[in-house]
Amino acid sequence: MKVLDLQCGFLHVFEGWFASEDDYLSQRERSLVECPVCGDAAITKRLSAPRLNLGSVRSETAVTDEVVSPVGLDQTLQAAWMAVARRIVATTEDVGNQFAEEARKIHYGETAERGIRGKASPEETAALHEEGIAVLSLPLPEALKGPLQ
């Protein structure tokens, strides 16, 4: 099993597990590897050092958990964003391309009020804003919309 540190074109860092290097390359070539944050398929490997367990003695100069590096902060923000995205998916109904129509029905009281998500063109979004319907464009990773392993 190979555990790789990966990065998308938008600099989101994540971990991928593959049976072998060839498996990773094959999946990447077929665009099966994508960023869990933004869905970008332009994935590259980051440099990473293997963890070597050379004994149980810890150095006195070891870095403690209290030190927060920029990479650690970035990963914390990514984790927070993923938690928010998962909550949105779990608590809203996906109405797909019917988003603008459903938002209007809810706004004008033609259907029960509920949280919805879906797709709308920039023109549809602008028209909803002009009608006084509050909507927020929020790209969600495709990976979150299906079952997670």
N, C-alpha and C. Protein backbone atom coordinates (compact mmCIF):
# COMPACT_ATOMS: atom_id res chain seq x y z
N MET A 1 0.85 -1.18 0.00
CA MET A 1 0.00 0.00 0.00
C MET A 1 0.89 1.24 0.00
N LYS A 2 0.62 2.17 -0.90
CA LYS A 2 1.37 3.43 -0.95
C LYS A 2 0.45 4.55 -0.49
N VAL A 3 0.93 5.32 0.46
CA VAL A 3 0.21 6.50 0.94
C VAL A 3 0.97 7.70 0.41
N LEU A 4 0.30 8.51 -0.41
CA LEU A 4 0.95 9.64 -1.07
C LEU A 4 0.36 10.96 -0.59
N ASP A 5 1.21 11.96 -0.44
CA ASP A 5 0.77 13.32 -0.19
C ASP A 5 0.53 13.93 -1.56
N LEU A 6 -0.69 14.40 -1.80
CA LEU A 6 -1.08 14.93 -3.10
C LEU A 6 -1.49 16.38 -2.98
N GLN A 7 -1.49 17.06 -4.12
CA GLN A 7 -1.88 18.47 -4.15
C GLN A 7 -2.58 18.75 -5.47
N CYS A 8 -3.66 19.53 -5.40
CA CYS A 8 -4.36 19.89 -6.63
C CYS A 8 -3.80 21.20 -7.18
N GLY A 9 -4.30 21.62 -8.32
CA GLY A 9 -3.84 22.85 -8.96
C GLY A 9 -4.15 24.10 -8.15
N PHE A 10 -5.07 24.00 -7.19
CA PHE A 10 -5.42 25.14 -6.34
C PHE A 10 -4.72 25.07 -4.99
N LEU A 11 -3.72 24.19 -4.90
CA LEU A 11 -2.84 24.04 -3.74
C LEU A 11 -3.50 23.42 -2.51
N HIS A 12 -4.63 22.73 -2.70
CA HIS A 12 -5.22 21.97 -1.59
C HIS A 12 -4.40 20.69 -1.43
N VAL A 13 -4.04 20.37 -0.21
CA VAL A 13 -3.21 19.20 0.09
C VAL A 13 -4.09 18.12 0.70
N PHE A 14 -3.89 16.89 0.24
CA PHE A 14 -4.65 15.77 0.78
C PHE A 14 -3.84 14.49 0.61
N GLU A 15 -4.32 13.42 1.20
CA GLU A 15 -3.62 12.14 1.20
C GLU A 15 -4.38 11.16 0.31
N GLY A 16 -3.65 10.35 -0.43
CA GLY A 16 -4.26 9.31 -1.25
C GLY A 16 -3.61 7.97 -0.98
N TRP A 17 -4.40 6.92 -0.98
CA TRP A 17 -3.91 5.56 -0.73
C TRP A 17 -4.07 4.75 -2.01
N PHE A 18 -3.00 4.12 -2.44
CA PHE A 18 -3.00 3.37 -3.69
C PHE A 18 -2.29 2.04 -3.49
N ALA A 19 -2.65 1.07 -4.30
CA ALA A 19 -2.03 -0.26 -4.22
C ALA A 19 -0.56 -0.20 -4.62
N SER A 20 -0.23 0.70 -5.56
CA SER A 20 1.15 0.81 -6.03
C SER A 20 1.31 2.16 -6.73
N GLU A 21 2.55 2.47 -7.09
CA GLU A 21 2.81 3.69 -7.86
C GLU A 21 2.11 3.62 -9.21
N ASP A 22 2.13 2.44 -9.84
CA ASP A 22 1.45 2.27 -11.13
C ASP A 22 -0.05 2.49 -10.99
N ASP A 23 -0.63 2.04 -9.87
CA ASP A 23 -2.06 2.24 -9.62
C ASP A 23 -2.37 3.73 -9.54
N TYR A 24 -1.54 4.48 -8.81
CA TYR A 24 -1.73 5.94 -8.71
C TYR A 24 -1.66 6.58 -10.09
N LEU A 25 -0.61 6.24 -10.87
CA LEU A 25 -0.44 6.85 -12.19
C LEU A 25 -1.60 6.51 -13.12
N SER A 26 -2.05 5.27 -13.07
CA SER A 26 -3.19 4.83 -13.90
C SER A 26 -4.46 5.60 -13.54
N GLN A 27 -4.75 5.71 -12.25
CA GLN A 27 -5.95 6.43 -11.82
C GLN A 27 -5.86 7.91 -12.16
N ARG A 28 -4.68 8.51 -12.01
CA ARG A 28 -4.51 9.92 -12.32
C ARG A 28 -4.70 10.17 -13.81
N GLU A 29 -4.14 9.30 -14.66
CA GLU A 29 -4.29 9.44 -16.11
C GLU A 29 -5.75 9.34 -16.55
N ARG A 30 -6.55 8.56 -15.83
CA ARG A 30 -7.97 8.41 -16.15
C ARG A 30 -8.85 9.43 -15.43
N SER A 31 -8.22 10.42 -14.79
CA SER A 31 -8.91 11.48 -14.04
C SER A 31 -9.80 10.92 -12.94
N LEU A 32 -9.36 9.83 -12.33
CA LEU A 32 -10.11 9.24 -11.22
C LEU A 32 -9.66 9.81 -9.88
N VAL A 33 -8.52 10.48 -9.87
CA VAL A 33 -8.02 11.10 -8.64
C VAL A 33 -8.37 12.57 -8.72
N GLU A 34 -9.14 13.04 -7.76
CA GLU A 34 -9.49 14.46 -7.74
C GLU A 34 -9.47 14.99 -6.32
N CYS A 35 -9.32 16.29 -6.21
CA CYS A 35 -9.23 16.96 -4.92
C CYS A 35 -10.56 16.82 -4.17
N PRO A 36 -10.54 16.38 -2.92
CA PRO A 36 -11.78 16.27 -2.16
C PRO A 36 -12.35 17.63 -1.75
N VAL A 37 -11.57 18.69 -1.87
CA VAL A 37 -12.03 20.01 -1.48
C VAL A 37 -12.73 20.71 -2.64
N CYS A 38 -12.08 20.69 -3.83
CA CYS A 38 -12.63 21.45 -4.96
C CYS A 38 -12.95 20.62 -6.18
N GLY A 39 -12.56 19.35 -6.21
CA GLY A 39 -12.86 18.48 -7.34
C GLY A 39 -11.88 18.60 -8.50
N ASP A 40 -10.81 19.37 -8.34
CA ASP A 40 -9.82 19.54 -9.40
C ASP A 40 -9.11 18.21 -9.66
N ALA A 41 -8.92 17.87 -10.95
CA ALA A 41 -8.26 16.62 -11.31
C ALA A 41 -6.80 16.82 -11.71
N ALA A 42 -6.31 18.06 -11.62
CA ALA A 42 -4.90 18.33 -11.92
C ALA A 42 -4.08 18.06 -10.66
N ILE A 43 -3.77 16.80 -10.44
CA ILE A 43 -3.15 16.34 -9.19
C ILE A 43 -1.67 16.08 -9.39
N THR A 44 -0.87 16.51 -8.42
CA THR A 44 0.55 16.21 -8.42
C THR A 44 0.93 15.64 -7.06
N LYS A 45 2.03 14.88 -7.07
CA LYS A 45 2.54 14.34 -5.81
C LYS A 45 3.40 15.40 -5.15
N ARG A 46 3.33 15.47 -3.83
CA ARG A 46 4.20 16.34 -3.05
C ARG A 46 5.35 15.50 -2.52
N LEU A 47 6.43 16.16 -2.25
CA LEU A 47 7.55 15.46 -1.62
C LEU A 47 7.14 15.05 -0.21
N SER A 48 7.46 13.85 0.15
CA SER A 48 7.17 13.40 1.51
C SER A 48 8.25 12.42 1.94
N ALA A 49 8.53 12.44 3.20
CA ALA A 49 9.53 11.54 3.75
C ALA A 49 8.83 10.34 4.36
N PRO A 50 9.37 9.15 4.17
CA PRO A 50 8.76 7.99 4.81
C PRO A 50 8.97 8.06 6.31
N ARG A 51 8.05 7.49 7.04
CA ARG A 51 8.19 7.44 8.49
C ARG A 51 8.97 6.19 8.83
N LEU A 52 10.07 6.36 9.47
CA LEU A 52 10.90 5.24 9.87
C LEU A 52 10.85 5.09 11.38
N ASN A 53 10.47 3.94 11.84
CA ASN A 53 10.42 3.68 13.27
C ASN A 53 11.74 3.05 13.67
N LEU A 54 12.63 3.86 14.21
CA LEU A 54 13.97 3.39 14.55
C LEU A 54 14.13 3.09 16.03
N GLY A 55 13.08 3.11 16.77
CA GLY A 55 13.16 2.83 18.20
C GLY A 55 12.18 3.69 18.96
N SER A 56 12.17 3.52 20.25
CA SER A 56 11.20 4.23 21.05
C SER A 56 11.76 5.47 21.74
N VAL A 57 13.02 5.78 21.51
CA VAL A 57 13.64 6.93 22.15
C VAL A 57 13.29 8.18 21.36
N ARG A 58 12.77 9.21 22.06
CA ARG A 58 12.42 10.47 21.41
C ARG A 58 13.50 11.49 21.68
N SER A 59 13.77 12.26 20.70
CA SER A 59 14.77 13.31 20.84
C SER A 59 14.21 14.44 21.69
N GLU A 60 15.06 15.10 22.46
CA GLU A 60 14.63 16.22 23.28
C GLU A 60 14.28 17.43 22.43
N THR A 61 14.74 17.45 21.19
CA THR A 61 14.45 18.58 20.31
C THR A 61 13.27 18.28 19.40
N ALA A 62 12.50 17.26 19.75
CA ALA A 62 11.35 16.90 18.91
C ALA A 62 10.33 18.04 18.88
N VAL A 63 9.68 18.20 17.74
CA VAL A 63 8.66 19.23 17.58
C VAL A 63 7.41 18.79 18.32
N THR A 64 6.82 19.69 19.08
CA THR A 64 5.63 19.35 19.85
C THR A 64 4.38 19.63 19.02
N ASP A 65 3.24 19.13 19.50
CA ASP A 65 1.97 19.35 18.82
C ASP A 65 1.54 20.81 18.90
N GLU A 66 2.15 21.60 19.76
CA GLU A 66 1.75 22.99 19.92
C GLU A 66 2.22 23.87 18.77
N VAL A 67 3.19 23.41 18.00
CA VAL A 67 3.70 24.20 16.89
C VAL A 67 2.75 24.04 15.71
N VAL A 68 2.30 25.14 15.15
CA VAL A 68 1.40 25.11 14.01
C VAL A 68 2.13 25.68 12.81
N SER A 69 2.38 24.86 11.84
CA SER A 69 3.05 25.32 10.63
C SER A 69 2.01 25.84 9.64
N PRO A 70 2.43 26.61 8.64
CA PRO A 70 1.47 27.05 7.63
C PRO A 70 0.77 25.89 6.96
N VAL A 71 1.47 24.79 6.73
CA VAL A 71 0.84 23.62 6.13
C VAL A 71 -0.21 23.05 7.07
N GLY A 72 0.11 22.97 8.36
CA GLY A 72 -0.86 22.47 9.33
C GLY A 72 -2.09 23.35 9.42
N LEU A 73 -1.89 24.67 9.35
CA LEU A 73 -3.02 25.60 9.37
C LEU A 73 -3.87 25.40 8.14
N ASP A 74 -3.23 25.26 6.96
CA ASP A 74 -3.95 25.04 5.72
C ASP A 74 -4.78 23.77 5.80
N GLN A 75 -4.22 22.71 6.36
CA GLN A 75 -4.94 21.45 6.50
C GLN A 75 -6.10 21.60 7.48
N THR A 76 -5.91 22.41 8.52
CA THR A 76 -7.00 22.66 9.48
C THR A 76 -8.15 23.38 8.79
N LEU A 77 -7.83 24.37 7.97
CA LEU A 77 -8.87 25.09 7.23
C LEU A 77 -9.58 24.17 6.25
N GLN A 78 -8.83 23.31 5.57
CA GLN A 78 -9.44 22.37 4.64
C GLN A 78 -10.38 21.42 5.38
N ALA A 79 -9.96 20.94 6.53
CA ALA A 79 -10.80 20.04 7.32
C ALA A 79 -12.07 20.75 7.76
N ALA A 80 -11.96 22.01 8.16
CA ALA A 80 -13.14 22.77 8.57
C ALA A 80 -14.08 22.96 7.38
N TRP A 81 -13.52 23.29 6.22
CA TRP A 81 -14.35 23.46 5.02
C TRP A 81 -15.06 22.16 4.66
N MET A 82 -14.36 21.03 4.74
CA MET A 82 -14.98 19.74 4.43
C MET A 82 -16.10 19.43 5.42
N ALA A 83 -15.92 19.77 6.68
CA ALA A 83 -16.98 19.54 7.67
C ALA A 83 -18.21 20.37 7.35
N VAL A 84 -18.00 21.63 6.95
CA VAL A 84 -19.12 22.49 6.57
C VAL A 84 -19.81 21.93 5.33
N ALA A 85 -19.03 21.53 4.33
CA ALA A 85 -19.59 21.01 3.10
C ALA A 85 -20.40 19.74 3.36
N ARG A 86 -19.88 18.85 4.22
CA ARG A 86 -20.62 17.62 4.56
C ARG A 86 -21.94 17.96 5.26
N ARG A 87 -21.91 18.95 6.14
CA ARG A 87 -23.14 19.36 6.84
C ARG A 87 -24.17 19.91 5.87
N ILE A 88 -23.71 20.72 4.91
CA ILE A 88 -24.62 21.26 3.90
C ILE A 88 -25.27 20.13 3.12
N VAL A 89 -24.47 19.18 2.68
CA VAL A 89 -25.00 18.05 1.90
C VAL A 89 -25.99 17.24 2.74
N ALA A 90 -25.69 17.04 4.01
CA ALA A 90 -26.54 16.23 4.89
C ALA A 90 -27.85 16.91 5.25
N THR A 91 -27.89 18.24 5.25
CA THR A 91 -29.08 18.95 5.74
C THR A 91 -29.86 19.68 4.66
N THR A 92 -29.51 19.46 3.40
CA THR A 92 -30.25 20.11 2.31
C THR A 92 -30.67 19.07 1.28
N GLU A 93 -31.65 19.44 0.49
CA GLU A 93 -32.14 18.57 -0.59
C GLU A 93 -31.52 19.01 -1.90
N ASP A 94 -30.98 18.07 -2.65
CA ASP A 94 -30.41 18.39 -3.96
C ASP A 94 -31.54 18.42 -4.99
N VAL A 95 -31.81 19.60 -5.53
CA VAL A 95 -32.87 19.75 -6.53
C VAL A 95 -32.29 19.88 -7.93
N GLY A 96 -30.99 19.72 -8.04
CA GLY A 96 -30.32 19.70 -9.35
C GLY A 96 -30.51 20.99 -10.13
N ASN A 97 -30.82 20.83 -11.41
CA ASN A 97 -30.97 21.98 -12.30
C ASN A 97 -32.26 22.75 -12.06
N GLN A 98 -33.12 22.27 -11.19
CA GLN A 98 -34.38 22.94 -10.87
C GLN A 98 -34.24 23.93 -9.72
N PHE A 99 -32.99 24.28 -9.38
CA PHE A 99 -32.75 25.12 -8.21
C PHE A 99 -33.51 26.44 -8.26
N ALA A 100 -33.40 27.18 -9.35
CA ALA A 100 -34.04 28.50 -9.44
C ALA A 100 -35.56 28.37 -9.30
N GLU A 101 -36.14 27.39 -9.96
CA GLU A 101 -37.58 27.17 -9.88
C GLU A 101 -38.01 26.82 -8.46
N GLU A 102 -37.28 25.92 -7.81
CA GLU A 102 -37.61 25.52 -6.44
C GLU A 102 -37.43 26.68 -5.46
N ALA A 103 -36.37 27.47 -5.65
CA ALA A 103 -36.15 28.63 -4.78
C ALA A 103 -37.31 29.61 -4.88
N ARG A 104 -37.80 29.83 -6.08
CA ARG A 104 -38.96 30.72 -6.26
C ARG A 104 -40.21 30.15 -5.58
N LYS A 105 -40.45 28.86 -5.75
CA LYS A 105 -41.62 28.23 -5.12
C LYS A 105 -41.58 28.38 -3.61
N ILE A 106 -40.40 28.20 -3.03
CA ILE A 106 -40.26 28.35 -1.58
C ILE A 106 -40.47 29.82 -1.19
N HIS A 107 -39.84 30.73 -1.93
CA HIS A 107 -39.92 32.16 -1.62
C HIS A 107 -41.37 32.67 -1.68
N TYR A 108 -42.12 32.22 -2.66
CA TYR A 108 -43.49 32.69 -2.83
C TYR A 108 -44.52 31.84 -2.10
N GLY A 109 -44.07 30.88 -1.28
CA GLY A 109 -44.96 30.09 -0.45
C GLY A 109 -45.73 29.01 -1.20
N GLU A 110 -45.28 28.65 -2.38
CA GLU A 110 -45.98 27.63 -3.17
C GLU A 110 -45.62 26.21 -2.72
N THR A 111 -44.53 26.08 -1.97
CA THR A 111 -44.11 24.79 -1.45
C THR A 111 -43.49 25.01 -0.06
N ALA A 112 -43.37 23.94 0.67
CA ALA A 112 -42.86 24.04 2.05
C ALA A 112 -41.42 24.57 2.07
N GLU A 113 -41.13 25.40 3.08
CA GLU A 113 -39.77 25.93 3.22
C GLU A 113 -38.83 24.82 3.68
N ARG A 114 -37.68 24.74 3.01
CA ARG A 114 -36.66 23.73 3.34
C ARG A 114 -35.34 24.18 2.74
N GLY A 115 -34.28 23.59 3.22
CA GLY A 115 -32.97 23.89 2.67
C GLY A 115 -32.77 23.13 1.37
N ILE A 116 -32.37 23.84 0.33
CA ILE A 116 -32.14 23.20 -0.96
C ILE A 116 -30.75 23.58 -1.48
N ARG A 117 -30.25 22.76 -2.38
CA ARG A 117 -29.03 23.05 -3.11
C ARG A 117 -29.21 22.51 -4.51
N GLY A 118 -28.45 23.07 -5.43
CA GLY A 118 -28.57 22.62 -6.81
C GLY A 118 -27.72 23.49 -7.71
N LYS A 119 -28.06 23.52 -8.97
CA LYS A 119 -27.29 24.26 -9.95
C LYS A 119 -28.15 25.36 -10.56
N ALA A 120 -27.52 26.52 -10.72
CA ALA A 120 -28.18 27.66 -11.38
C ALA A 120 -27.12 28.40 -12.18
N SER A 121 -27.53 28.91 -13.32
CA SER A 121 -26.59 29.69 -14.14
C SER A 121 -26.39 31.05 -13.48
N PRO A 122 -25.34 31.76 -13.88
CA PRO A 122 -25.14 33.12 -13.34
C PRO A 122 -26.35 34.02 -13.62
N GLU A 123 -26.98 33.84 -14.77
CA GLU A 123 -28.17 34.65 -15.11
C GLU A 123 -29.32 34.32 -14.18
N GLU A 124 -29.54 33.03 -13.91
CA GLU A 124 -30.61 32.62 -12.99
C GLU A 124 -30.35 33.15 -11.59
N THR A 125 -29.10 33.09 -11.15
CA THR A 125 -28.74 33.58 -9.83
C THR A 125 -28.99 35.08 -9.73
N ALA A 126 -28.61 35.83 -10.76
CA ALA A 126 -28.84 37.28 -10.77
C ALA A 126 -30.33 37.58 -10.73
N ALA A 127 -31.13 36.83 -11.47
CA ALA A 127 -32.59 37.04 -11.49
C ALA A 127 -33.18 36.76 -10.11
N LEU A 128 -32.70 35.72 -9.44
CA LEU A 128 -33.19 35.43 -8.09
C LEU A 128 -32.86 36.58 -7.14
N HIS A 129 -31.65 37.11 -7.23
CA HIS A 129 -31.26 38.26 -6.39
C HIS A 129 -32.16 39.46 -6.67
N GLU A 130 -32.46 39.72 -7.93
CA GLU A 130 -33.33 40.85 -8.30
C GLU A 130 -34.73 40.70 -7.73
N GLU A 131 -35.20 39.45 -7.57
CA GLU A 131 -36.51 39.19 -6.99
C GLU A 131 -36.49 39.21 -5.46
N GLY A 132 -35.31 39.43 -4.90
CA GLY A 132 -35.20 39.48 -3.44
C GLY A 132 -35.05 38.11 -2.81
N ILE A 133 -34.66 37.13 -3.59
CA ILE A 133 -34.46 35.78 -3.09
C ILE A 133 -32.98 35.60 -2.79
N ALA A 134 -32.67 35.38 -1.52
CA ALA A 134 -31.27 35.25 -1.09
C ALA A 134 -30.75 33.87 -1.46
N VAL A 135 -29.72 33.86 -2.29
CA VAL A 135 -29.04 32.61 -2.65
C VAL A 135 -27.54 32.82 -2.53
N LEU A 136 -26.83 31.75 -2.35
CA LEU A 136 -25.38 31.80 -2.20
C LEU A 136 -24.76 30.77 -3.13
N SER A 137 -23.84 31.21 -3.97
CA SER A 137 -23.10 30.28 -4.82
C SER A 137 -22.00 29.66 -3.98
N LEU A 138 -22.03 28.35 -3.89
CA LEU A 138 -21.07 27.64 -3.05
C LEU A 138 -20.71 26.33 -3.74
N PRO A 139 -19.55 26.27 -4.39
CA PRO A 139 -19.18 25.02 -5.07
C PRO A 139 -18.88 23.92 -4.07
N LEU A 140 -19.55 22.79 -4.23
CA LEU A 140 -19.33 21.64 -3.37
C LEU A 140 -18.63 20.55 -4.16
N PRO A 141 -17.64 19.90 -3.58
CA PRO A 141 -16.95 18.81 -4.28
C PRO A 141 -17.92 17.70 -4.65
N GLU A 142 -17.81 17.19 -5.87
CA GLU A 142 -18.68 16.10 -6.33
C GLU A 142 -18.55 14.87 -5.42
N ALA A 143 -17.36 14.65 -4.88
CA ALA A 143 -17.13 13.47 -4.05
C ALA A 143 -18.05 13.45 -2.83
N LEU A 144 -18.47 14.61 -2.35
CA LEU A 144 -19.33 14.66 -1.16
C LEU A 144 -20.77 14.32 -1.47
N LYS A 145 -21.13 14.38 -2.73
CA LYS A 145 -22.54 14.16 -3.10
C LYS A 145 -22.91 12.70 -3.19
N GLY A 146 -21.92 11.81 -3.13
CA GLY A 146 -22.18 10.38 -3.16
C GLY A 146 -21.70 9.73 -1.87
N PRO A 147 -21.76 8.41 -1.82
CA PRO A 147 -21.30 7.73 -0.61
C PRO A 147 -19.79 7.87 -0.45
N LEU A 148 -19.35 8.06 0.77
CA LEU A 148 -17.93 8.17 1.07
C LEU A 148 -17.41 6.84 1.56
N GLN A 149 -16.19 6.48 1.14
CA GLN A 149 -15.58 5.24 1.60
C GLN A 149 -14.99 5.46 2.95
